N, C-alpha and C. Protein backbone atom coordinates (compact mmCIF):
# COMPACT_ATOMS: atom_id res chain seq x y z
N MET A 1 -42.34 9.95 -148.18
CA MET A 1 -42.36 8.82 -149.07
C MET A 1 -43.37 9.12 -150.18
N LYS A 2 -42.93 8.88 -151.41
CA LYS A 2 -43.79 9.12 -152.57
C LYS A 2 -43.80 7.87 -153.44
N PHE A 3 -44.93 7.68 -154.10
CA PHE A 3 -45.05 6.58 -155.05
C PHE A 3 -45.33 7.15 -156.42
N TYR A 4 -44.71 6.52 -157.41
CA TYR A 4 -44.97 6.86 -158.80
C TYR A 4 -45.37 5.57 -159.50
N VAL A 5 -46.52 5.64 -160.18
CA VAL A 5 -47.05 4.45 -160.85
C VAL A 5 -47.01 4.68 -162.35
N ALA A 6 -46.37 3.77 -163.04
CA ALA A 6 -46.32 3.81 -164.50
C ALA A 6 -46.88 2.48 -164.99
N LYS A 7 -46.87 2.28 -166.28
CA LYS A 7 -47.38 1.04 -166.84
C LYS A 7 -46.60 -0.15 -166.30
N ASN A 8 -47.26 -1.00 -165.52
CA ASN A 8 -46.68 -2.22 -164.96
C ASN A 8 -45.47 -1.99 -164.06
N LYS A 9 -45.37 -0.77 -163.48
CA LYS A 9 -44.22 -0.49 -162.62
C LYS A 9 -44.65 0.51 -161.54
N VAL A 10 -44.10 0.28 -160.30
CA VAL A 10 -44.32 1.20 -159.19
C VAL A 10 -42.95 1.57 -158.62
N ILE A 11 -42.75 2.86 -158.39
CA ILE A 11 -41.50 3.34 -157.81
C ILE A 11 -41.83 4.03 -156.49
N CYS A 12 -41.11 3.64 -155.46
CA CYS A 12 -41.24 4.26 -154.15
C CYS A 12 -39.97 5.09 -153.92
N VAL A 13 -40.14 6.34 -153.46
CA VAL A 13 -39.00 7.21 -153.21
C VAL A 13 -39.07 7.74 -151.79
N ILE A 14 -37.97 7.55 -151.06
CA ILE A 14 -37.83 8.09 -149.70
C ILE A 14 -36.60 8.97 -149.69
N ARG A 15 -36.74 10.16 -149.15
CA ARG A 15 -35.61 11.10 -149.06
C ARG A 15 -34.85 10.82 -147.76
N TYR A 16 -33.53 10.63 -147.88
CA TYR A 16 -32.69 10.36 -146.71
C TYR A 16 -31.33 11.00 -146.91
N ALA A 17 -30.92 11.81 -145.96
CA ALA A 17 -29.60 12.45 -145.96
C ALA A 17 -29.30 13.16 -147.28
N GLY A 18 -30.30 13.86 -147.79
CA GLY A 18 -30.10 14.62 -149.02
C GLY A 18 -30.11 13.79 -150.29
N ARG A 19 -30.45 12.52 -150.16
CA ARG A 19 -30.49 11.62 -151.32
C ARG A 19 -31.88 11.03 -151.47
N ASN A 20 -32.20 10.65 -152.68
CA ASN A 20 -33.44 9.92 -152.93
C ASN A 20 -33.12 8.43 -152.96
N ILE A 21 -33.80 7.68 -152.12
CA ILE A 21 -33.66 6.22 -152.11
C ILE A 21 -34.87 5.68 -152.88
N ARG A 22 -34.62 4.81 -153.84
CA ARG A 22 -35.71 4.31 -154.68
C ARG A 22 -35.86 2.80 -154.56
N GLY A 23 -37.10 2.39 -154.51
CA GLY A 23 -37.43 0.97 -154.59
C GLY A 23 -38.36 0.79 -155.77
N ILE A 24 -38.10 -0.21 -156.57
CA ILE A 24 -38.88 -0.40 -157.80
C ILE A 24 -39.49 -1.79 -157.81
N ALA A 25 -40.76 -1.84 -158.20
CA ALA A 25 -41.45 -3.12 -158.40
C ALA A 25 -41.99 -3.14 -159.82
N LYS A 26 -41.56 -4.13 -160.59
CA LYS A 26 -42.03 -4.27 -161.97
C LYS A 26 -42.90 -5.52 -162.06
N CYS A 27 -43.95 -5.40 -162.78
CA CYS A 27 -44.85 -6.54 -162.95
C CYS A 27 -44.35 -7.42 -164.09
N SER A 28 -44.31 -8.69 -163.82
CA SER A 28 -43.91 -9.65 -164.84
C SER A 28 -44.98 -9.68 -165.94
N PRO A 29 -44.57 -9.86 -167.18
CA PRO A 29 -45.55 -9.91 -168.28
C PRO A 29 -46.59 -11.03 -168.09
N GLN A 30 -46.23 -12.08 -167.35
CA GLN A 30 -47.16 -13.19 -167.14
C GLN A 30 -48.20 -12.88 -166.05
N ASP A 31 -47.95 -11.84 -165.23
CA ASP A 31 -48.84 -11.52 -164.12
C ASP A 31 -49.75 -10.36 -164.46
N LYS A 32 -50.82 -10.25 -163.66
CA LYS A 32 -51.74 -9.13 -163.78
C LYS A 32 -51.24 -8.02 -162.86
N PHE A 33 -51.15 -6.79 -163.36
CA PHE A 33 -50.65 -5.66 -162.58
C PHE A 33 -51.62 -5.34 -161.46
N ASP A 34 -51.06 -5.22 -160.23
CA ASP A 34 -51.85 -4.82 -159.05
C ASP A 34 -51.07 -3.69 -158.37
N GLU A 35 -51.64 -2.50 -158.42
CA GLU A 35 -50.94 -1.32 -157.90
C GLU A 35 -50.62 -1.44 -156.41
N GLU A 36 -51.52 -1.97 -155.62
CA GLU A 36 -51.29 -2.08 -154.17
C GLU A 36 -50.14 -3.04 -153.86
N ILE A 37 -50.12 -4.17 -154.53
CA ILE A 37 -49.01 -5.11 -154.34
C ILE A 37 -47.70 -4.47 -154.81
N GLY A 38 -47.75 -3.76 -155.92
CA GLY A 38 -46.57 -3.08 -156.42
C GLY A 38 -46.06 -2.04 -155.42
N LYS A 39 -46.96 -1.30 -154.79
CA LYS A 39 -46.57 -0.31 -153.80
C LYS A 39 -45.91 -0.97 -152.59
N LYS A 40 -46.50 -2.07 -152.14
CA LYS A 40 -45.92 -2.77 -150.98
C LYS A 40 -44.52 -3.29 -151.31
N LEU A 41 -44.39 -3.88 -152.49
CA LEU A 41 -43.10 -4.43 -152.89
C LEU A 41 -42.06 -3.33 -153.08
N ALA A 42 -42.44 -2.25 -153.76
CA ALA A 42 -41.52 -1.14 -153.98
C ALA A 42 -41.13 -0.52 -152.65
N HIS A 43 -42.08 -0.39 -151.72
CA HIS A 43 -41.80 0.17 -150.41
C HIS A 43 -40.82 -0.72 -149.64
N LEU A 44 -41.02 -2.02 -149.66
CA LEU A 44 -40.10 -2.94 -148.99
C LEU A 44 -38.69 -2.85 -149.57
N ARG A 45 -38.60 -2.77 -150.87
CA ARG A 45 -37.29 -2.67 -151.51
C ARG A 45 -36.62 -1.34 -151.17
N CYS A 46 -37.42 -0.30 -151.10
CA CYS A 46 -36.90 1.00 -150.72
C CYS A 46 -36.41 0.98 -149.27
N GLU A 47 -37.19 0.37 -148.39
CA GLU A 47 -36.80 0.27 -146.97
C GLU A 47 -35.52 -0.55 -146.82
N GLU A 48 -35.35 -1.58 -147.63
CA GLU A 48 -34.12 -2.37 -147.58
C GLU A 48 -32.92 -1.51 -147.96
N LYS A 49 -33.05 -0.74 -149.04
CA LYS A 49 -31.96 0.16 -149.44
C LYS A 49 -31.70 1.21 -148.37
N LEU A 50 -32.77 1.71 -147.77
CA LEU A 50 -32.63 2.72 -146.72
C LEU A 50 -31.89 2.14 -145.52
N ALA A 51 -32.25 0.91 -145.13
CA ALA A 51 -31.56 0.25 -144.01
C ALA A 51 -30.07 0.08 -144.33
N ASN A 52 -29.75 -0.30 -145.56
CA ASN A 52 -28.35 -0.44 -145.96
C ASN A 52 -27.63 0.90 -145.93
N ALA A 53 -28.31 1.95 -146.38
CA ALA A 53 -27.69 3.29 -146.36
C ALA A 53 -27.43 3.72 -144.92
N LYS A 54 -28.37 3.47 -144.03
CA LYS A 54 -28.19 3.84 -142.62
C LYS A 54 -27.07 3.02 -141.98
N TYR A 55 -27.00 1.75 -142.32
CA TYR A 55 -25.93 0.90 -141.80
C TYR A 55 -24.57 1.42 -142.27
N ASN A 56 -24.46 1.71 -143.57
CA ASN A 56 -23.20 2.21 -144.12
C ASN A 56 -22.81 3.53 -143.47
N TYR A 57 -23.78 4.39 -143.23
CA TYR A 57 -23.51 5.66 -142.55
C TYR A 57 -23.00 5.40 -141.14
N ALA A 58 -23.64 4.45 -140.45
CA ALA A 58 -23.23 4.14 -139.07
C ALA A 58 -21.80 3.59 -139.04
N VAL A 59 -21.45 2.77 -140.01
CA VAL A 59 -20.08 2.22 -140.08
C VAL A 59 -19.08 3.35 -140.30
N LEU A 60 -19.39 4.25 -141.22
CA LEU A 60 -18.48 5.38 -141.48
C LEU A 60 -18.36 6.28 -140.25
N GLU A 61 -19.47 6.50 -139.58
CA GLU A 61 -19.45 7.34 -138.38
C GLU A 61 -18.64 6.67 -137.27
N ALA A 62 -18.78 5.36 -137.13
CA ALA A 62 -18.00 4.63 -136.12
C ALA A 62 -16.51 4.73 -136.43
N GLU A 63 -16.14 4.60 -137.69
CA GLU A 63 -14.74 4.73 -138.08
C GLU A 63 -14.21 6.14 -137.78
N ARG A 64 -15.04 7.15 -138.07
CA ARG A 64 -14.64 8.53 -137.79
C ARG A 64 -14.45 8.74 -136.29
N LEU A 65 -15.37 8.20 -135.50
CA LEU A 65 -15.28 8.35 -134.05
C LEU A 65 -14.07 7.59 -133.49
N ASP A 66 -13.78 6.44 -134.05
CA ASP A 66 -12.59 5.69 -133.61
C ASP A 66 -11.32 6.51 -133.87
N LYS A 67 -11.26 7.13 -135.03
CA LYS A 67 -10.09 7.96 -135.37
C LYS A 67 -10.00 9.15 -134.42
N GLU A 68 -11.14 9.78 -134.15
CA GLU A 68 -11.15 10.92 -133.23
C GLU A 68 -10.72 10.49 -131.83
N LEU A 69 -11.18 9.32 -131.39
CA LEU A 69 -10.79 8.81 -130.08
C LEU A 69 -9.29 8.57 -130.02
N GLU A 70 -8.73 7.99 -131.07
CA GLU A 70 -7.28 7.77 -131.11
C GLU A 70 -6.52 9.08 -130.99
N GLU A 71 -6.99 10.10 -131.71
CA GLU A 71 -6.34 11.41 -131.66
C GLU A 71 -6.42 12.01 -130.25
N LEU A 72 -7.57 11.86 -129.62
CA LEU A 72 -7.73 12.38 -128.25
C LEU A 72 -6.85 11.63 -127.26
N GLN A 73 -6.74 10.31 -127.45
CA GLN A 73 -5.87 9.52 -126.57
C GLN A 73 -4.41 9.94 -126.74
N THR A 74 -4.00 10.20 -127.96
CA THR A 74 -2.64 10.66 -128.22
C THR A 74 -2.40 12.00 -127.54
N ARG A 75 -3.36 12.92 -127.67
CA ARG A 75 -3.22 14.23 -127.03
C ARG A 75 -3.16 14.09 -125.51
N CYS A 76 -3.98 13.21 -124.94
CA CYS A 76 -3.96 12.98 -123.49
C CYS A 76 -2.61 12.42 -123.05
N ASN A 77 -2.12 11.46 -123.80
CA ASN A 77 -0.82 10.86 -123.45
C ASN A 77 0.29 11.90 -123.49
N LYS A 78 0.26 12.77 -124.49
CA LYS A 78 1.26 13.84 -124.57
C LYS A 78 1.12 14.80 -123.38
N ALA A 79 -0.13 15.11 -123.03
CA ALA A 79 -0.36 16.03 -121.90
C ALA A 79 0.12 15.39 -120.59
N TRP A 80 -0.13 14.10 -120.41
CA TRP A 80 0.32 13.43 -119.19
C TRP A 80 1.85 13.40 -119.13
N ALA A 81 2.46 13.14 -120.27
CA ALA A 81 3.93 13.12 -120.31
C ALA A 81 4.48 14.50 -119.97
N ARG A 82 3.86 15.54 -120.51
CA ARG A 82 4.30 16.90 -120.21
C ARG A 82 4.08 17.23 -118.74
N GLU A 83 2.97 16.75 -118.18
CA GLU A 83 2.70 16.97 -116.76
C GLU A 83 3.79 16.32 -115.91
N GLU A 84 4.18 15.10 -116.26
CA GLU A 84 5.25 14.43 -115.53
C GLU A 84 6.56 15.21 -115.63
N GLU A 85 6.86 15.75 -116.81
CA GLU A 85 8.06 16.57 -116.98
C GLU A 85 8.00 17.79 -116.07
N LEU A 86 6.85 18.43 -116.03
CA LEU A 86 6.70 19.64 -115.21
C LEU A 86 6.86 19.31 -113.72
N TYR A 87 6.27 18.20 -113.27
CA TYR A 87 6.45 17.79 -111.87
C TYR A 87 7.92 17.54 -111.57
N SER A 88 8.60 16.90 -112.51
CA SER A 88 10.02 16.64 -112.34
C SER A 88 10.80 17.94 -112.27
N ASP A 89 10.46 18.89 -113.13
CA ASP A 89 11.12 20.20 -113.12
C ASP A 89 10.87 20.93 -111.80
N VAL A 90 9.64 20.84 -111.29
CA VAL A 90 9.30 21.50 -110.02
C VAL A 90 10.08 20.85 -108.87
N GLU A 91 10.15 19.52 -108.88
CA GLU A 91 10.90 18.82 -107.83
C GLU A 91 12.38 19.21 -107.88
N GLU A 92 12.93 19.27 -109.08
CA GLU A 92 14.34 19.65 -109.22
C GLU A 92 14.56 21.09 -108.75
N ALA A 93 13.66 21.98 -109.14
CA ALA A 93 13.79 23.38 -108.73
C ALA A 93 13.66 23.50 -107.21
N THR A 94 12.75 22.75 -106.63
CA THR A 94 12.57 22.76 -105.17
C THR A 94 13.84 22.26 -104.48
N TRP A 95 14.41 21.18 -104.98
CA TRP A 95 15.64 20.62 -104.41
C TRP A 95 16.79 21.63 -104.51
N ASN A 96 16.90 22.25 -105.71
CA ASN A 96 17.95 23.26 -105.90
C ASN A 96 17.76 24.45 -104.95
N LEU A 97 16.52 24.86 -104.77
CA LEU A 97 16.24 26.00 -103.87
C LEU A 97 16.58 25.63 -102.42
N LYS A 98 16.22 24.43 -101.99
CA LYS A 98 16.56 23.99 -100.62
C LYS A 98 18.06 23.97 -100.42
N ASN A 99 18.76 23.44 -101.42
CA ASN A 99 20.23 23.39 -101.31
C ASN A 99 20.85 24.78 -101.31
N TYR A 100 20.28 25.67 -102.08
CA TYR A 100 20.78 27.05 -102.10
C TYR A 100 20.56 27.72 -100.75
N ILE A 101 19.37 27.51 -100.19
CA ILE A 101 19.06 28.09 -98.87
C ILE A 101 20.01 27.52 -97.82
N LYS A 102 20.27 26.21 -97.87
CA LYS A 102 21.21 25.58 -96.92
C LYS A 102 22.62 26.17 -97.06
N SER A 103 22.97 26.45 -98.32
CA SER A 103 24.32 26.99 -98.54
C SER A 103 24.47 28.41 -97.99
N LEU A 104 23.36 29.09 -97.81
CA LEU A 104 23.41 30.46 -97.26
C LEU A 104 23.60 30.44 -95.74
N ASP A 105 23.29 29.38 -95.10
CA ASP A 105 23.41 29.30 -93.63
C ASP A 105 24.81 29.24 -93.16
């Protein structure tokens, strides 16, 4: 976290996910400039933006994971269906083999 102080303005910068998040506090012309109050205000505004950025990232990640889960469920369903087909094929082959053996007797 870095602070930059200019005439009647304080900027707080926090680096997050390769981006700079900025919070700015400007002093009203009617007020007396106080650097410490400006830093606290700029920091709070920066933290608010950071919280929003983290929330938005979490939402996007949840959507990505939901899509991945759907794809995995589809793959599992296909695998289970194929497994059922294979069991059916094995049962049919077993039945055919038993009948063939009986026919040899």
